Amino acid sequence: FDHPKEFYRMQQFGIMSQLPINKAKNDEDKPAYVYDVVHTNSTMVIMHGMCPRAAELGSTDPAYKHKMYHISHPLDKFIDECVRSWDEYQESWRKAGCTAEYIPYPYTKEMVRGYFDEYNKATGMSIDPRGPADLSKEDFQQEAPSFAQLPAWAADDRNIEMAEQASKAEGAKWWYDISSSNVLKPGEIAPQKAKHH
């Protein structure tokens, strides 16, 4: 997240008390960590309302997800997996006593291509079931930094200056907050620490 100070501002405005709380739904066999789309959308609306900069980060999500999906689930792989899963179900039913004839998976790659052609004709779009034309796995692979390698932003003197200023201001505040709670005022007696045996 490019704007870490935004969280503290949001916290001051009570973000934590405004976010939805998800509870376990025992009757649906859903633990608290399994949340639904209503929870997700409410959270997103509240977060983006309090921090428009967070919404900026998602502005490229549709293109990213489109590429990512087609890289990880190309049409051939997707249809092959559908056929395999379809056949596994039929085999398990056969083993359980089902006597119905084998039914081949009802969709083919050619049918899917036809759906895309029909969609393109109806909408004037030009999408392809193989994904975007500039599809490349390199878009999603980051080169691991070598030991002690500076991040790209560190080559810019202005970025370094801004980081130093922020660090000095935050450091001074931190030391003030920490030390002021540990300094005795005139006439105060230091509290005795409990001894553990």
C-alpha atoms as a PDB file:
ATOM      1  CA  PHE A   1       0.000   0.000   0.000  1.00  0.00           C
ATOM      2  CA  ASP A   2       1.536   3.253  -1.124  1.00  0.00           C
ATOM      3  CA  HIS A   3      -0.081   5.456   1.522  1.00  0.00           C
ATOM      4  CA  PRO A   4       0.547   3.831   4.940  1.00  0.00           C
ATOM      5  CA  LYS A   5      -0.276   6.996   6.904  1.00  0.00           C
ATOM      6  CA  GLU A   6      -3.815   6.858   5.553  1.00  0.00           C
ATOM      7  CA  PHE A   7      -4.605   4.036   7.990  1.00  0.00           C
ATOM      8  CA  TYR A   8      -3.863   6.238  10.994  1.00  0.00           C
ATOM      9  CA  ARG A   9      -6.119   8.951   9.597  1.00  0.00           C
ATOM     10  CA  MET A  10      -8.868   6.399   8.991  1.00  0.00           C
ATOM     11  CA  GLN A  11      -8.371   5.011  12.485  1.00  0.00           C
ATOM     12  CA  GLN A  12      -8.903   8.496  13.942  1.00  0.00           C
ATOM     13  CA  PHE A  13     -12.202   8.701  12.045  1.00  0.00           C
ATOM     14  CA  GLY A  14     -13.352   5.393  13.537  1.00  0.00           C
ATOM     15  CA  ILE A  15     -12.844   3.010  10.637  1.00  0.00           C
ATOM     16  CA  MET A  16     -12.691  -0.024  12.914  1.00  0.00           C
ATOM     17  CA  SER A  17     -16.120   0.627  14.418  1.00  0.00           C
ATOM     18  CA  GLN A  18     -17.678   1.155  10.980  1.00  0.00           C
ATOM     19  CA  LEU A  19     -16.418  -1.995   9.283  1.00  0.00           C
ATOM     20  CA  PRO A  20     -18.783  -4.984   9.227  1.00  0.00           C
ATOM     21  CA  ILE A  21     -18.193  -7.842  11.645  1.00  0.00           C
ATOM     22  CA  ASN A  22     -18.479 -11.385  10.380  1.00  0.00           C
ATOM     23  CA  LYS A  23     -19.629 -14.030  12.837  1.00  0.00           C
ATOM     24  CA  ALA A  24     -19.647 -17.788  12.491  1.00  0.00           C
ATOM     25  CA  LYS A  25     -22.846 -19.230  11.057  1.00  0.00           C
ATOM     26  CA  ASN A  26     -23.043 -22.649  12.671  1.00  0.00           C
ATOM     27  CA  ASP A  27     -26.337 -23.522  10.966  1.00  0.00           C
ATOM     28  CA  GLU A  28     -24.621 -23.004   7.575  1.00  0.00           C
ATOM     29  CA  ASP A  29     -21.352 -24.635   8.699  1.00  0.00           C
ATOM     30  CA  LYS A  30     -19.474 -21.375   8.008  1.00  0.00           C
ATOM     31  CA  PRO A  31     -16.725 -20.307  10.410  1.00  0.00           C
ATOM     32  CA  ALA A  32     -16.182 -16.587  10.990  1.00  0.00           C
ATOM     33  CA  TYR A  33     -13.310 -16.414   8.491  1.00  0.00           C
ATOM     34  CA  VAL A  34     -15.659 -17.414   5.638  1.00  0.00           C
ATOM     35  CA  TYR A  35     -17.309 -14.165   4.602  1.00  0.00           C
ATOM     36  CA  ASP A  36     -19.772 -13.436   1.845  1.00  0.00           C
ATOM     37  CA  VAL A  37     -19.972 -10.859  -0.937  1.00  0.00           C
ATOM     38  CA  VAL A  38     -22.169  -8.538   1.161  1.00  0.00           C
ATOM     39  CA  HIS A  39     -19.417  -8.367   3.814  1.00  0.00           C
ATOM     40  CA  THR A  40     -16.743  -7.813   1.157  1.00  0.00           C
ATOM     41  CA  ASN A  41     -18.673  -5.110  -0.689  1.00  0.00           C
ATOM     42  CA  SER A  42     -19.599  -3.276   2.523  1.00  0.00           C
ATOM     43  CA  THR A  43     -15.953  -3.296   3.584  1.00  0.00           C
ATOM     44  CA  MET A  44     -14.834  -2.011   0.185  1.00  0.00           C
ATOM     45  CA  VAL A  45     -17.395   0.813   0.119  1.00  0.00           C
ATOM     46  CA  ILE A  46     -16.472   1.940   3.652  1.00  0.00           C
ATOM     47  CA  MET A  47     -12.726   1.698   2.983  1.00  0.00           C
ATOM     48  CA  HIS A  48     -12.911   3.573  -0.320  1.00  0.00           C
ATOM     49  CA  GLY A  49     -15.194   6.193   1.209  1.00  0.00           C
ATOM     50  CA  MET A  50     -12.685   6.876   3.979  1.00  0.00           C
ATOM     51  CA  CYS A  51      -9.610   6.434   1.807  1.00  0.00           C
ATOM     52  CA  PRO A  52     -10.122   7.266  -1.879  1.00  0.00           C
ATOM     53  CA  ARG A  53      -6.438   6.541  -2.427  1.00  0.00           C
ATOM     54  CA  ALA A  54      -7.139   2.869  -1.705  1.00  0.00           C
ATOM     55  CA  ALA A  55      -9.552   2.858  -4.647  1.00  0.00           C
ATOM     56  CA  GLU A  56      -6.717   4.063  -6.894  1.00  0.00           C
ATOM     57  CA  LEU A  57      -4.875   0.832  -6.215  1.00  0.00           C
ATOM     58  CA  GLY A  58      -7.749  -1.177  -7.628  1.00  0.00           C
ATOM     59  CA  SER A  59      -8.129   0.855 -10.798  1.00  0.00           C
ATOM     60  CA  THR A  60      -6.074  -1.626 -12.813  1.00  0.00           C
ATOM     61  CA  ASP A  61      -7.679  -4.732 -11.275  1.00  0.00           C
ATOM     62  CA  PRO A  62      -9.970  -5.598 -14.208  1.00  0.00           C
ATOM     63  CA  ALA A  63      -7.127  -5.701 -16.758  1.00  0.00           C
ATOM     64  CA  TYR A  64      -4.844  -7.498 -14.297  1.00  0.00           C
ATOM     65  CA  LYS A  65      -7.479 -10.120 -13.444  1.00  0.00           C
ATOM     66  CA  HIS A  66      -8.319 -10.613 -17.118  1.00  0.00           C
ATOM     67  CA  LYS A  67      -4.690 -11.345 -17.944  1.00  0.00           C
ATOM     68  CA  MET A  68      -4.065 -13.366 -14.785  1.00  0.00           C
ATOM     69  CA  TYR A  69      -7.103 -15.581 -15.396  1.00  0.00           C
ATOM     70  CA  HIS A  70      -6.096 -16.396 -18.961  1.00  0.00           C
ATOM     71  CA  ILE A  71      -2.493 -17.099 -17.988  1.00  0.00           C
ATOM     72  CA  SER A  72      -3.454 -19.459 -15.179  1.00  0.00           C
ATOM     73  CA  HIS A  73      -6.552 -20.961 -16.860  1.00  0.00           C
ATOM     74  CA  PRO A  74      -6.090 -20.968 -20.638  1.00  0.00           C
ATOM     75  CA  LEU A  75      -9.078 -22.285 -22.581  1.00  0.00           C
ATOM     76  CA  ASP A  76      -7.522 -25.664 -23.453  1.00  0.00           C
ATOM     77  CA  LYS A  77      -6.542 -26.336 -19.835  1.00  0.00           C
ATOM     78  CA  PHE A  78      -9.936 -25.144 -18.576  1.00  0.00           C
ATOM     79  CA  ILE A  79     -11.982 -27.370 -20.910  1.00  0.00           C
ATOM     80  CA  ASP A  80      -9.690 -30.361 -20.253  1.00  0.00           C
ATOM     81  CA  GLU A  81     -10.234 -29.931 -16.498  1.00  0.00           C
ATOM     82  CA  CYS A  82     -14.013 -29.663 -17.000  1.00  0.00           C
ATOM     83  CA  VAL A  83     -14.039 -32.910 -19.006  1.00  0.00           C
ATOM     84  CA  ARG A  84     -11.885 -34.677 -16.398  1.00  0.00           C
ATOM     85  CA  SER A  85     -14.120 -33.525 -13.535  1.00  0.00           C
ATOM     86  CA  TRP A  86     -17.287 -34.430 -15.486  1.00  0.00           C
ATOM     87  CA  ASP A  87     -15.936 -37.926 -16.147  1.00  0.00           C
ATOM     88  CA  GLU A  88     -14.873 -38.414 -12.510  1.00  0.00           C
ATOM     89  CA  TYR A  89     -18.425 -37.683 -11.361  1.00  0.00           C
ATOM     90  CA  GLN A  90     -19.892 -40.139 -13.842  1.00  0.00           C
ATOM     91  CA  GLU A  91     -17.398 -42.807 -12.791  1.00  0.00           C
ATOM     92  CA  SER A  92     -18.204 -42.309  -9.094  1.00  0.00           C
ATOM     93  CA  TRP A  93     -21.930 -42.591  -9.842  1.00  0.00           C
ATOM     94  CA  ARG A  94     -21.318 -45.743 -11.907  1.00  0.00           C
ATOM     95  CA  LYS A  95     -19.402 -47.270  -8.979  1.00  0.00           C
ATOM     96  CA  ALA A  96     -22.296 -46.339  -6.709  1.00  0.00           C
ATOM     97  CA  GLY A  97     -24.690 -48.303  -8.915  1.00  0.00           C
ATOM     98  CA  CYS A  98     -25.877 -45.830 -11.547  1.00  0.00           C
ATOM     99  CA  THR A  99     -26.646 -47.622 -14.819  1.00  0.00           C
ATOM    100  CA  ALA A 100     -27.171 -44.569 -17.065  1.00  0.00           C
ATOM    101  CA  GLU A 101     -25.145 -44.401 -20.253  1.00  0.00           C
ATOM    102  CA  TYR A 102     -21.972 -42.313 -20.345  1.00  0.00           C
ATOM    103  CA  ILE A 103     -22.707 -38.746 -21.403  1.00  0.00           C
ATOM    104  CA  PRO A 104     -19.809 -36.769 -22.891  1.00  0.00           C
ATOM    105  CA  TYR A 105     -19.092 -33.307 -21.528  1.00  0.00           C
ATOM    106  CA  PRO A 106     -21.552 -31.051 -23.373  1.00  0.00           C
ATOM    107  CA  TYR A 107     -19.254 -28.100 -24.198  1.00  0.00           C
ATOM    108  CA  THR A 108     -16.316 -28.011 -26.598  1.00  0.00           C
ATOM    109  CA  LYS A 109     -13.589 -25.509 -27.299  1.00  0.00           C
ATOM    110  CA  GLU A 110     -15.226 -24.816 -30.653  1.00  0.00           C
ATOM    111  CA  MET A 111     -18.508 -23.955 -28.900  1.00  0.00           C
ATOM    112  CA  VAL A 112     -16.729 -21.529 -26.579  1.00  0.00           C
ATOM    113  CA  ARG A 113     -15.010 -19.869 -29.536  1.00  0.00           C
ATOM    114  CA  GLY A 114     -18.448 -19.576 -31.165  1.00  0.00           C
ATOM    115  CA  TYR A 115     -19.819 -17.876 -28.020  1.00  0.00           C
ATOM    116  CA  PHE A 116     -17.010 -15.341 -28.224  1.00  0.00           C
ATOM    117  CA  ASP A 117     -17.680 -14.730 -31.917  1.00  0.00           C
ATOM    118  CA  GLU A 118     -21.386 -14.204 -31.182  1.00  0.00           C
ATOM    119  CA  TYR A 119     -20.577 -11.828 -28.310  1.00  0.00           C
ATOM    120  CA  ASN A 120     -18.148  -9.818 -30.438  1.00  0.00           C
ATOM    121  CA  LYS A 121     -20.711  -9.520 -33.237  1.00  0.00           C
ATOM    122  CA  ALA A 122     -23.457  -8.389 -30.841  1.00  0.00           C
ATOM    123  CA  THR A 123     -21.330  -5.888 -28.891  1.00  0.00           C
ATOM    124  CA  GLY A 124     -18.783  -4.677 -31.413  1.00  0.00           C
ATOM    125  CA  MET A 125     -16.051  -5.887 -29.075  1.00  0.00           C
ATOM    126  CA  SER A 126     -13.025  -7.874 -30.104  1.00  0.00           C
ATOM    127  CA  ILE A 127     -12.237 -10.322 -27.327  1.00  0.00           C
ATOM    128  CA  ASP A 128     -10.690 -13.731 -27.740  1.00  0.00           C
ATOM    129  CA  PRO A 129     -11.169 -16.882 -25.625  1.00  0.00           C
ATOM    130  CA  ARG A 130      -7.385 -17.163 -25.469  1.00  0.00           C
ATOM    131  CA  GLY A 131      -7.230 -13.881 -23.559  1.00  0.00           C
ATOM    132  CA  PRO A 132      -5.685 -10.515 -24.373  1.00  0.00           C
ATOM    133  CA  ALA A 133      -3.283 -10.268 -27.317  1.00  0.00           C
ATOM    134  CA  ASP A 134      -0.461  -8.988 -25.096  1.00  0.00           C
ATOM    135  CA  LEU A 135      -0.726 -11.953 -22.733  1.00  0.00           C
ATOM    136  CA  SER A 136       2.631 -12.667 -21.091  1.00  0.00           C
ATOM    137  CA  LYS A 137       3.559 -14.510 -17.910  1.00  0.00           C
ATOM    138  CA  GLU A 138       6.381 -12.008 -17.480  1.00  0.00           C
ATOM    139  CA  ASP A 139       3.752  -9.416 -16.495  1.00  0.00           C
ATOM    140  CA  PHE A 140       3.216 -11.350 -13.272  1.00  0.00           C
ATOM    141  CA  GLN A 141       6.741 -12.418 -12.454  1.00  0.00           C
ATOM    142  CA  GLN A 142       8.861 -10.172 -10.330  1.00  0.00           C
ATOM    143  CA  GLU A 143      12.568 -10.533 -10.246  1.00  0.00           C
ATOM    144  CA  ALA A 144      13.724 -11.411  -6.768  1.00  0.00           C
ATOM    145  CA  PRO A 145      16.038  -8.700  -5.456  1.00  0.00           C
ATOM    146  CA  SER A 146      19.568  -9.777  -4.740  1.00  0.00           C
ATOM    147  CA  PHE A 147      21.018  -9.332  -1.283  1.00  0.00           C
ATOM    148  CA  ALA A 148      21.600  -5.669  -0.402  1.00  0.00           C
ATOM    149  CA  GLN A 149      20.112  -4.491  -3.709  1.00  0.00           C
ATOM    150  CA  LEU A 150      18.498  -1.062  -3.438  1.00  0.00           C
ATOM    151  CA  PRO A 151      14.852  -0.785  -4.438  1.00  0.00           C
ATOM    152  CA  ALA A 152      14.200   1.244  -7.609  1.00  0.00           C
ATOM    153  CA  TRP A 153      12.806   4.232  -5.673  1.00  0.00           C
ATOM    154  CA  ALA A 154      16.083   4.588  -3.763  1.00  0.00           C
ATOM    155  CA  ALA A 155      17.917   5.814  -6.865  1.00  0.00           C
ATOM    156  CA  ASP A 156      15.988   9.105  -6.781  1.00  0.00           C
ATOM    157  CA  ASP A 157      17.484  11.799  -4.494  1.00  0.00           C
ATOM    158  CA  ARG A 158      14.087  13.415  -3.942  1.00  0.00           C
ATOM    159  CA  ASN A 159      12.644  10.098  -2.721  1.00  0.00           C
ATOM    160  CA  ILE A 160      15.569   9.681  -0.325  1.00  0.00           C
ATOM    161  CA  GLU A 161      15.078  13.214   1.025  1.00  0.00           C
ATOM    162  CA  MET A 162      11.352  12.626   1.549  1.00  0.00           C
ATOM    163  CA  ALA A 163      12.029   9.316   3.321  1.00  0.00           C
ATOM    164  CA  GLU A 164      14.585  10.974   5.596  1.00  0.00           C
ATOM    165  CA  GLN A 165      12.197  13.812   6.503  1.00  0.00           C
ATOM    166  CA  ALA A 166       9.363  11.393   7.263  1.00  0.00           C
ATOM    167  CA  SER A 167      11.680   9.195   9.307  1.00  0.00           C
ATOM    168  CA  LYS A 168      12.990  12.126  11.346  1.00  0.00           C
ATOM    169  CA  ALA A 169       9.507  13.452  12.108  1.00  0.00           C
ATOM    170  CA  GLU A 170       8.099  10.041  12.996  1.00  0.00           C
ATOM    171  CA  GLY A 171      11.199   9.124  14.984  1.00  0.00           C
ATOM    172  CA  ALA A 172      11.088  12.335  16.997  1.00  0.00           C
ATOM    173  CA  LYS A 173       7.417  11.791  17.826  1.00  0.00           C
ATOM    174  CA  TRP A 174       8.044   8.164  18.782  1.00  0.00           C
ATOM    175  CA  TRP A 175      10.909   9.097  21.109  1.00  0.00           C
ATOM    176  CA  TYR A 176       8.836  11.875  22.656  1.00  0.00           C
ATOM    177  CA  ASP A 177       5.867   9.555  23.262  1.00  0.00           C
ATOM    178  CA  ILE A 178       8.023   6.775  24.680  1.00  0.00           C
ATOM    179  CA  SER A 179      10.317   8.889  26.797  1.00  0.00           C
ATOM    180  CA  SER A 180       7.648  11.219  28.188  1.00  0.00           C
ATOM    181  CA  SER A 181       5.842   8.263  29.752  1.00  0.00           C
ATOM    182  CA  ASN A 182       9.078   7.046  31.359  1.00  0.00           C
ATOM    183  CA  VAL A 183      10.333  10.349  32.772  1.00  0.00           C
ATOM    184  CA  LEU A 184       9.522  11.114  36.394  1.00  0.00           C
ATOM    185  CA  LYS A 185       8.271  14.566  37.235  1.00  0.00           C
ATOM    186  CA  PRO A 186       9.787  16.361  40.242  1.00  0.00           C
ATOM    187  CA  GLY A 187       8.616  14.715  43.482  1.00  0.00           C
ATOM    188  CA  GLU A 188       7.366  11.497  41.773  1.00  0.00           C
ATOM    189  CA  ILE A 189       8.524   8.123  43.034  1.00  0.00           C
ATOM    190  CA  ALA A 190       9.268   5.387  40.526  1.00  0.00           C
ATOM    191  CA  PRO A 191       6.794   2.507  40.721  1.00  0.00           C
ATOM    192  CA  GLN A 192       8.252  -0.750  41.962  1.00  0.00           C
ATOM    193  CA  LYS A 193       8.282  -3.564  39.458  1.00  0.00           C
ATOM    194  CA  ALA A 194       6.721  -6.806  40.637  1.00  0.00           C
ATOM    195  CA  LYS A 195       9.201  -9.585  41.316  1.00  0.00           C
ATOM    196  CA  HIS A 196       8.452 -12.953  39.780  1.00  0.00           C
ATOM    197  CA  HIS A 197       9.679 -16.093  41.501  1.00  0.00           C
END
